[in-house]
N, C-alpha and C. Protein backbone atom coordinates (compact mmCIF):
# COMPACT_ATOMS: atom_id res chain seq x y z
N MET A 1 0.84 -1.17 0.00
CA MET A 1 0.00 0.00 0.00
C MET A 1 0.89 1.24 0.00
N LEU A 2 0.55 2.20 -0.83
CA LEU A 2 1.31 3.45 -0.88
C LEU A 2 0.70 4.47 0.07
N LEU A 3 1.57 5.17 0.72
CA LEU A 3 1.13 6.26 1.58
C LEU A 3 1.08 7.53 0.77
N ASP A 4 0.40 8.55 1.26
CA ASP A 4 0.36 9.83 0.55
C ASP A 4 1.77 10.28 0.23
N GLN A 5 1.96 10.81 -0.96
CA GLN A 5 3.22 11.36 -1.43
C GLN A 5 4.25 10.29 -1.82
N GLU A 6 3.96 9.02 -1.62
CA GLU A 6 4.89 7.97 -2.04
C GLU A 6 4.69 7.69 -3.52
N LYS A 7 5.78 7.40 -4.19
CA LYS A 7 5.72 7.06 -5.60
C LYS A 7 6.04 5.57 -5.76
N PRO A 8 5.33 4.91 -6.65
CA PRO A 8 5.61 3.48 -6.85
C PRO A 8 6.96 3.30 -7.53
N ALA A 9 7.61 2.21 -7.23
CA ALA A 9 8.87 1.85 -7.89
C ALA A 9 8.57 0.70 -8.84
N TRP A 10 9.00 0.83 -10.08
CA TRP A 10 8.77 -0.18 -11.09
C TRP A 10 10.11 -0.73 -11.56
N ALA A 11 10.14 -2.00 -11.81
CA ALA A 11 11.35 -2.62 -12.33
C ALA A 11 10.96 -3.66 -13.37
N VAL A 12 11.76 -3.75 -14.41
CA VAL A 12 11.54 -4.74 -15.46
C VAL A 12 12.65 -5.78 -15.34
N ASP A 13 12.26 -7.04 -15.25
CA ASP A 13 13.23 -8.12 -15.25
C ASP A 13 13.60 -8.37 -16.70
N VAL A 14 14.78 -7.90 -17.08
CA VAL A 14 15.20 -7.95 -18.49
C VAL A 14 15.30 -9.39 -18.99
N ALA A 15 15.79 -10.29 -18.19
CA ALA A 15 15.92 -11.69 -18.62
C ALA A 15 14.55 -12.31 -18.89
N VAL A 16 13.59 -12.04 -18.02
CA VAL A 16 12.23 -12.56 -18.21
C VAL A 16 11.60 -11.94 -19.45
N ARG A 17 11.78 -10.65 -19.63
CA ARG A 17 11.21 -9.97 -20.80
C ARG A 17 11.81 -10.52 -22.09
N GLN A 18 13.12 -10.74 -22.12
CA GLN A 18 13.77 -11.27 -23.31
C GLN A 18 13.32 -12.70 -23.60
N ALA A 19 13.20 -13.52 -22.56
CA ALA A 19 12.75 -14.90 -22.76
C ALA A 19 11.32 -14.93 -23.30
N THR A 20 10.47 -14.08 -22.78
CA THR A 20 9.09 -14.00 -23.26
C THR A 20 9.06 -13.51 -24.71
N ALA A 21 9.85 -12.49 -25.02
CA ALA A 21 9.92 -11.97 -26.40
C ALA A 21 10.43 -13.04 -27.36
N ARG A 22 11.43 -13.81 -26.93
CA ARG A 22 11.98 -14.88 -27.77
C ARG A 22 10.89 -15.90 -28.08
N ASN A 23 10.14 -16.32 -27.07
CA ASN A 23 9.08 -17.31 -27.30
C ASN A 23 7.95 -16.73 -28.13
N HIS A 24 7.62 -15.47 -27.92
CA HIS A 24 6.57 -14.84 -28.74
C HIS A 24 7.03 -14.74 -30.20
N SER A 25 8.27 -14.37 -30.41
CA SER A 25 8.79 -14.28 -31.79
C SER A 25 8.69 -15.63 -32.49
N CYS A 26 8.90 -16.70 -31.74
CA CYS A 26 8.78 -18.04 -32.33
C CYS A 26 7.36 -18.36 -32.75
N THR A 27 6.35 -17.76 -32.10
CA THR A 27 4.98 -18.02 -32.55
C THR A 27 4.76 -17.45 -33.95
N HIS A 28 5.43 -16.34 -34.27
CA HIS A 28 5.35 -15.80 -35.64
C HIS A 28 5.98 -16.78 -36.63
N LEU A 29 7.12 -17.32 -36.27
CA LEU A 29 7.80 -18.28 -37.15
C LEU A 29 6.98 -19.55 -37.28
N LEU A 30 6.37 -20.00 -36.19
CA LEU A 30 5.57 -21.22 -36.24
C LEU A 30 4.33 -21.03 -37.10
N GLN A 31 3.67 -19.89 -36.98
CA GLN A 31 2.50 -19.61 -37.83
C GLN A 31 2.88 -19.69 -39.31
N ALA A 32 4.00 -19.08 -39.67
CA ALA A 32 4.45 -19.10 -41.07
C ALA A 32 4.81 -20.52 -41.50
N ALA A 33 5.49 -21.26 -40.63
CA ALA A 33 5.87 -22.63 -40.96
C ALA A 33 4.65 -23.52 -41.15
N LEU A 34 3.68 -23.40 -40.27
CA LEU A 34 2.47 -24.22 -40.37
C LEU A 34 1.71 -23.92 -41.66
N ARG A 35 1.62 -22.65 -42.01
CA ARG A 35 0.94 -22.29 -43.26
C ARG A 35 1.72 -22.83 -44.47
N GLY A 36 3.05 -22.82 -44.38
CA GLY A 36 3.86 -23.35 -45.47
C GLY A 36 3.75 -24.86 -45.61
N VAL A 37 3.68 -25.57 -44.50
CA VAL A 37 3.64 -27.03 -44.52
C VAL A 37 2.22 -27.55 -44.70
N LEU A 38 1.25 -26.97 -43.99
CA LEU A 38 -0.12 -27.50 -44.00
C LEU A 38 -1.03 -26.81 -45.01
N GLY A 39 -0.73 -25.55 -45.34
CA GLY A 39 -1.55 -24.82 -46.29
C GLY A 39 -1.99 -23.47 -45.74
N SER A 40 -2.38 -22.59 -46.64
CA SER A 40 -2.73 -21.22 -46.25
C SER A 40 -4.03 -21.12 -45.46
N HIS A 41 -4.78 -22.21 -45.38
CA HIS A 41 -6.02 -22.21 -44.59
C HIS A 41 -5.75 -22.25 -43.09
N VAL A 42 -4.53 -22.60 -42.68
CA VAL A 42 -4.20 -22.72 -41.26
C VAL A 42 -4.21 -21.35 -40.61
N LYS A 43 -4.84 -21.29 -39.45
CA LYS A 43 -4.91 -20.04 -38.67
C LYS A 43 -4.55 -20.34 -37.22
N GLN A 44 -3.86 -19.41 -36.60
CA GLN A 44 -3.60 -19.50 -35.17
C GLN A 44 -4.91 -19.23 -34.45
N ALA A 45 -5.33 -20.15 -33.58
CA ALA A 45 -6.56 -19.97 -32.83
C ALA A 45 -6.29 -19.23 -31.53
N SER A 46 -5.15 -19.51 -30.93
CA SER A 46 -4.75 -18.82 -29.71
C SER A 46 -3.31 -19.20 -29.40
N SER A 47 -2.71 -18.46 -28.51
CA SER A 47 -1.38 -18.83 -28.02
C SER A 47 -1.22 -18.37 -26.59
N LEU A 48 -0.34 -19.05 -25.89
CA LEU A 48 0.04 -18.66 -24.54
C LEU A 48 1.55 -18.56 -24.56
N VAL A 49 2.06 -17.40 -24.23
CA VAL A 49 3.50 -17.18 -24.27
C VAL A 49 3.98 -16.81 -22.87
N THR A 50 4.95 -17.55 -22.39
CA THR A 50 5.57 -17.29 -21.09
C THR A 50 7.08 -17.24 -21.29
N PRO A 51 7.84 -16.88 -20.27
CA PRO A 51 9.29 -16.93 -20.41
C PRO A 51 9.82 -18.34 -20.65
N GLU A 52 9.08 -19.35 -20.21
CA GLU A 52 9.54 -20.73 -20.33
C GLU A 52 9.16 -21.41 -21.64
N ALA A 53 8.05 -21.01 -22.24
CA ALA A 53 7.56 -21.73 -23.41
C ALA A 53 6.47 -20.95 -24.12
N ALA A 54 6.09 -21.47 -25.28
CA ALA A 54 4.95 -20.94 -26.01
C ALA A 54 4.04 -22.11 -26.38
N ALA A 55 2.76 -21.96 -26.15
CA ALA A 55 1.76 -22.95 -26.55
C ALA A 55 0.94 -22.33 -27.67
N PHE A 56 0.57 -23.13 -28.64
CA PHE A 56 -0.02 -22.62 -29.88
C PHE A 56 -1.17 -23.53 -30.28
N ARG A 57 -2.37 -22.99 -30.41
CA ARG A 57 -3.52 -23.73 -30.95
C ARG A 57 -3.78 -23.25 -32.36
N LEU A 58 -4.16 -24.16 -33.24
CA LEU A 58 -4.39 -23.79 -34.62
C LEU A 58 -5.63 -24.48 -35.18
N THR A 59 -6.13 -23.94 -36.26
CA THR A 59 -7.22 -24.58 -36.98
C THR A 59 -6.61 -25.32 -38.17
N HIS A 60 -7.05 -26.57 -38.36
CA HIS A 60 -6.58 -27.38 -39.49
C HIS A 60 -7.60 -28.50 -39.68
N ILE A 61 -7.62 -29.08 -40.85
CA ILE A 61 -8.64 -30.08 -41.18
C ILE A 61 -8.31 -31.49 -40.68
N ALA A 62 -7.08 -31.73 -40.21
CA ALA A 62 -6.70 -33.07 -39.75
C ALA A 62 -5.64 -32.94 -38.66
N ALA A 63 -5.44 -34.05 -37.95
CA ALA A 63 -4.40 -34.07 -36.92
C ALA A 63 -3.02 -34.04 -37.57
N MET A 64 -2.09 -33.41 -36.88
CA MET A 64 -0.71 -33.40 -37.37
C MET A 64 -0.05 -34.71 -37.00
N THR A 65 0.88 -35.16 -37.85
CA THR A 65 1.60 -36.41 -37.59
C THR A 65 3.08 -36.12 -37.41
N PRO A 66 3.75 -36.83 -36.50
CA PRO A 66 5.18 -36.59 -36.27
C PRO A 66 6.01 -36.84 -37.52
N GLU A 67 5.68 -37.87 -38.28
CA GLU A 67 6.49 -38.24 -39.43
C GLU A 67 6.38 -37.24 -40.58
N GLY A 68 5.31 -36.54 -40.66
CA GLY A 68 5.09 -35.67 -41.80
C GLY A 68 5.11 -34.20 -41.45
N ASN A 69 3.92 -33.67 -41.25
CA ASN A 69 3.81 -32.22 -41.12
C ASN A 69 4.34 -31.65 -39.81
N TRP A 70 4.39 -32.41 -38.74
CA TRP A 70 4.92 -31.88 -37.48
C TRP A 70 6.42 -31.64 -37.60
N LEU A 71 7.15 -32.63 -38.11
CA LEU A 71 8.60 -32.48 -38.27
C LEU A 71 8.93 -31.42 -39.32
N GLY A 72 8.15 -31.36 -40.37
CA GLY A 72 8.37 -30.34 -41.39
C GLY A 72 8.20 -28.93 -40.83
N SER A 73 7.19 -28.75 -39.99
CA SER A 73 6.97 -27.44 -39.37
C SER A 73 8.11 -27.10 -38.42
N ARG A 74 8.52 -28.06 -37.61
CA ARG A 74 9.64 -27.84 -36.69
C ARG A 74 10.91 -27.45 -37.46
N ASP A 75 11.19 -28.18 -38.54
CA ASP A 75 12.38 -27.90 -39.33
C ASP A 75 12.32 -26.51 -39.97
N ALA A 76 11.13 -26.10 -40.41
CA ALA A 76 10.98 -24.77 -41.01
C ALA A 76 11.22 -23.67 -39.99
N VAL A 77 10.74 -23.85 -38.75
CA VAL A 77 10.98 -22.87 -37.70
C VAL A 77 12.48 -22.80 -37.39
N ASN A 78 13.12 -23.95 -37.23
CA ASN A 78 14.55 -23.96 -36.95
C ASN A 78 15.36 -23.31 -38.07
N GLU A 79 14.97 -23.57 -39.30
CA GLU A 79 15.66 -22.95 -40.44
C GLU A 79 15.50 -21.42 -40.40
N ALA A 80 14.30 -20.96 -40.10
CA ALA A 80 14.07 -19.51 -40.02
C ALA A 80 14.91 -18.88 -38.91
N ILE A 81 15.03 -19.57 -37.78
CA ILE A 81 15.87 -19.06 -36.69
C ILE A 81 17.32 -18.97 -37.13
N MET A 82 17.80 -20.00 -37.79
CA MET A 82 19.21 -20.03 -38.18
C MET A 82 19.53 -19.04 -39.30
N GLN A 83 18.53 -18.60 -40.06
CA GLN A 83 18.75 -17.57 -41.08
C GLN A 83 19.15 -16.25 -40.46
N ASN A 84 18.75 -16.05 -39.21
CA ASN A 84 19.14 -14.85 -38.46
C ASN A 84 18.70 -13.56 -39.17
N SER A 85 17.53 -13.58 -39.76
CA SER A 85 17.00 -12.43 -40.48
C SER A 85 16.65 -11.30 -39.53
N PRO A 86 16.77 -10.07 -39.98
CA PRO A 86 16.36 -8.95 -39.12
C PRO A 86 14.84 -8.94 -38.95
N VAL A 87 14.40 -8.56 -37.78
CA VAL A 87 12.97 -8.42 -37.51
C VAL A 87 12.65 -6.94 -37.54
N THR A 88 11.70 -6.54 -38.39
CA THR A 88 11.36 -5.13 -38.49
C THR A 88 9.91 -4.91 -38.09
N THR A 89 9.62 -3.71 -37.66
CA THR A 89 8.25 -3.32 -37.37
C THR A 89 7.95 -2.01 -38.07
N GLU A 90 6.70 -1.85 -38.44
CA GLU A 90 6.26 -0.63 -39.11
C GLU A 90 4.80 -0.38 -38.75
N VAL A 91 4.47 0.85 -38.42
CA VAL A 91 3.09 1.21 -38.11
C VAL A 91 2.46 1.81 -39.37
N MET A 92 1.25 1.33 -39.68
CA MET A 92 0.54 1.82 -40.88
C MET A 92 -0.95 1.59 -40.70
N GLY A 93 -1.71 2.04 -41.64
CA GLY A 93 -3.15 1.81 -41.62
C GLY A 93 -3.46 0.34 -41.86
N LEU A 94 -4.58 -0.13 -41.29
CA LEU A 94 -4.97 -1.53 -41.42
C LEU A 94 -5.13 -1.93 -42.88
N ASP A 95 -5.78 -1.10 -43.68
CA ASP A 95 -5.97 -1.42 -45.10
C ASP A 95 -4.64 -1.51 -45.83
N ALA A 96 -3.70 -0.61 -45.53
CA ALA A 96 -2.38 -0.64 -46.16
C ALA A 96 -1.62 -1.90 -45.77
N ALA A 97 -1.75 -2.32 -44.52
CA ALA A 97 -1.07 -3.53 -44.06
C ALA A 97 -1.61 -4.76 -44.79
N ARG A 98 -2.92 -4.83 -44.91
CA ARG A 98 -3.53 -5.96 -45.63
C ARG A 98 -3.12 -5.95 -47.10
N ALA A 99 -3.08 -4.76 -47.70
CA ALA A 99 -2.68 -4.64 -49.11
C ALA A 99 -1.23 -5.07 -49.30
N LYS A 100 -0.42 -4.84 -48.29
CA LYS A 100 1.00 -5.22 -48.33
C LYS A 100 1.18 -6.73 -48.15
N GLY A 101 0.12 -7.43 -47.69
CA GLY A 101 0.18 -8.87 -47.53
C GLY A 101 0.32 -9.34 -46.10
N ALA A 102 0.18 -8.44 -45.14
CA ALA A 102 0.30 -8.83 -43.73
C ALA A 102 -0.87 -9.71 -43.32
N THR A 103 -0.58 -10.72 -42.53
CA THR A 103 -1.60 -11.61 -42.01
C THR A 103 -2.20 -11.00 -40.75
N ALA A 104 -3.51 -10.92 -40.71
CA ALA A 104 -4.23 -10.42 -39.53
C ALA A 104 -4.91 -11.62 -38.88
N LEU A 105 -4.33 -12.12 -37.80
CA LEU A 105 -4.83 -13.34 -37.18
C LEU A 105 -6.09 -13.14 -36.37
N PHE A 106 -6.21 -11.98 -35.76
CA PHE A 106 -7.34 -11.73 -34.87
C PHE A 106 -7.98 -10.41 -35.29
N ALA A 107 -8.75 -10.43 -36.35
CA ALA A 107 -9.28 -9.21 -36.97
C ALA A 107 -10.00 -8.28 -35.99
N GLU A 108 -10.69 -8.85 -35.02
CA GLU A 108 -11.46 -8.02 -34.10
C GLU A 108 -10.59 -7.20 -33.16
N LYS A 109 -9.31 -7.46 -33.09
CA LYS A 109 -8.43 -6.78 -32.14
C LYS A 109 -7.75 -5.54 -32.71
N TYR A 110 -7.91 -5.24 -33.97
CA TYR A 110 -7.12 -4.19 -34.60
C TYR A 110 -7.92 -2.92 -34.81
N GLY A 111 -7.24 -1.80 -34.62
CA GLY A 111 -7.82 -0.51 -34.89
C GLY A 111 -7.44 -0.06 -36.29
N SER A 112 -7.57 1.22 -36.57
CA SER A 112 -7.26 1.72 -37.90
C SER A 112 -5.75 1.78 -38.14
N GLU A 113 -4.97 1.95 -37.09
CA GLU A 113 -3.51 1.94 -37.18
C GLU A 113 -3.01 0.64 -36.58
N VAL A 114 -2.10 -0.05 -37.28
CA VAL A 114 -1.60 -1.34 -36.82
C VAL A 114 -0.08 -1.39 -36.92
N ARG A 115 0.50 -2.32 -36.19
CA ARG A 115 1.93 -2.56 -36.24
C ARG A 115 2.17 -3.85 -37.02
N VAL A 116 3.00 -3.77 -38.05
CA VAL A 116 3.32 -4.92 -38.88
C VAL A 116 4.71 -5.41 -38.48
N VAL A 117 4.80 -6.68 -38.10
CA VAL A 117 6.07 -7.31 -37.74
C VAL A 117 6.47 -8.19 -38.92
N THR A 118 7.69 -7.96 -39.43
CA THR A 118 8.15 -8.69 -40.61
C THR A 118 9.48 -9.39 -40.33
N VAL A 119 9.54 -10.67 -40.68
CA VAL A 119 10.78 -11.41 -40.78
C VAL A 119 10.91 -11.67 -42.28
N PRO A 120 11.80 -10.95 -42.97
CA PRO A 120 11.85 -11.01 -44.43
C PRO A 120 11.93 -12.44 -44.98
N GLY A 121 11.05 -12.70 -45.95
CA GLY A 121 11.02 -14.00 -46.58
C GLY A 121 10.37 -15.10 -45.75
N VAL A 122 9.92 -14.75 -44.52
CA VAL A 122 9.36 -15.77 -43.63
C VAL A 122 7.94 -15.40 -43.20
N SER A 123 7.78 -14.21 -42.63
CA SER A 123 6.51 -13.87 -41.98
C SER A 123 6.26 -12.37 -42.05
N MET A 124 4.99 -12.00 -42.20
CA MET A 124 4.55 -10.61 -42.09
C MET A 124 3.17 -10.64 -41.45
N GLU A 125 3.11 -10.22 -40.18
CA GLU A 125 1.87 -10.30 -39.42
C GLU A 125 1.61 -9.01 -38.66
N LEU A 126 0.34 -8.78 -38.37
CA LEU A 126 -0.03 -7.69 -37.48
C LEU A 126 0.19 -8.18 -36.06
N CYS A 127 0.84 -7.36 -35.24
CA CYS A 127 1.13 -7.77 -33.87
C CYS A 127 1.50 -6.56 -33.03
N ALA A 128 0.94 -6.50 -31.84
CA ALA A 128 1.27 -5.40 -30.92
C ALA A 128 2.14 -5.86 -29.77
N ALA A 129 2.42 -7.16 -29.68
CA ALA A 129 3.18 -7.69 -28.55
C ALA A 129 4.68 -7.49 -28.71
N ARG A 130 5.39 -7.74 -27.65
CA ARG A 130 6.85 -7.60 -27.62
C ARG A 130 7.48 -8.70 -28.47
N ILE A 131 8.40 -8.31 -29.35
CA ILE A 131 9.14 -9.27 -30.16
C ILE A 131 10.62 -9.14 -29.86
N LEU A 132 11.37 -10.13 -30.27
CA LEU A 132 12.81 -10.13 -30.03
C LEU A 132 13.51 -9.36 -31.13
N ARG A 133 14.36 -8.44 -30.74
CA ARG A 133 15.20 -7.69 -31.66
C ARG A 133 16.60 -7.67 -31.12
N PRO A 134 17.62 -7.86 -31.87
CA PRO A 134 17.61 -8.28 -33.26
C PRO A 134 16.94 -9.64 -33.42
N PRO A 135 17.28 -10.36 -34.46
CA PRO A 135 16.53 -11.56 -34.82
C PRO A 135 16.37 -12.57 -33.68
N VAL A 136 15.45 -13.51 -33.90
CA VAL A 136 15.24 -14.61 -32.97
C VAL A 136 16.56 -15.36 -32.86
N ARG A 137 17.02 -15.57 -31.66
CA ARG A 137 18.27 -16.31 -31.44
C ARG A 137 17.99 -17.47 -30.50
N PRO A 138 18.59 -18.60 -30.75
CA PRO A 138 18.42 -19.72 -29.83
C PRO A 138 18.95 -19.34 -28.45
N ALA A 139 18.32 -19.86 -27.42
CA ALA A 139 18.80 -19.61 -26.05
C ALA A 139 20.14 -20.29 -25.85
N ALA A 140 20.99 -19.66 -25.08
CA ALA A 140 22.28 -20.27 -24.76
C ALA A 140 22.05 -21.53 -23.94
N SER A 141 22.80 -22.57 -24.26
CA SER A 141 22.61 -23.81 -23.49
C SER A 141 23.74 -24.05 -22.55
């Protein structure tokens, strides 16, 4: 509880923020990989991103199999990470973003101005969340 005239102290745990951003950035790569492997009909239904992991629900017409599309999606994400492409953001109008080819996963969440997150040659999506900059990098082991 704050007393009169006291100011709150805020602190950001940089390691936690970076880990969360890294996992969130991977959801962008996973969305692109799934669309590439399974087809453009695939949509992210929801995700949960924490510093420890990212969980991803998607819409698709059949179950994924380890031998086929699951491994292909995993390999595509790993390849995108190893490309070490720059991650860019740009704010623009929603119509301009769609015309540019940006994927809008949750149409009801966007206003007239949107932020487009691009991993060149991999992904271009509307997103307001924290992403990893520079590129997605594997965690040190």
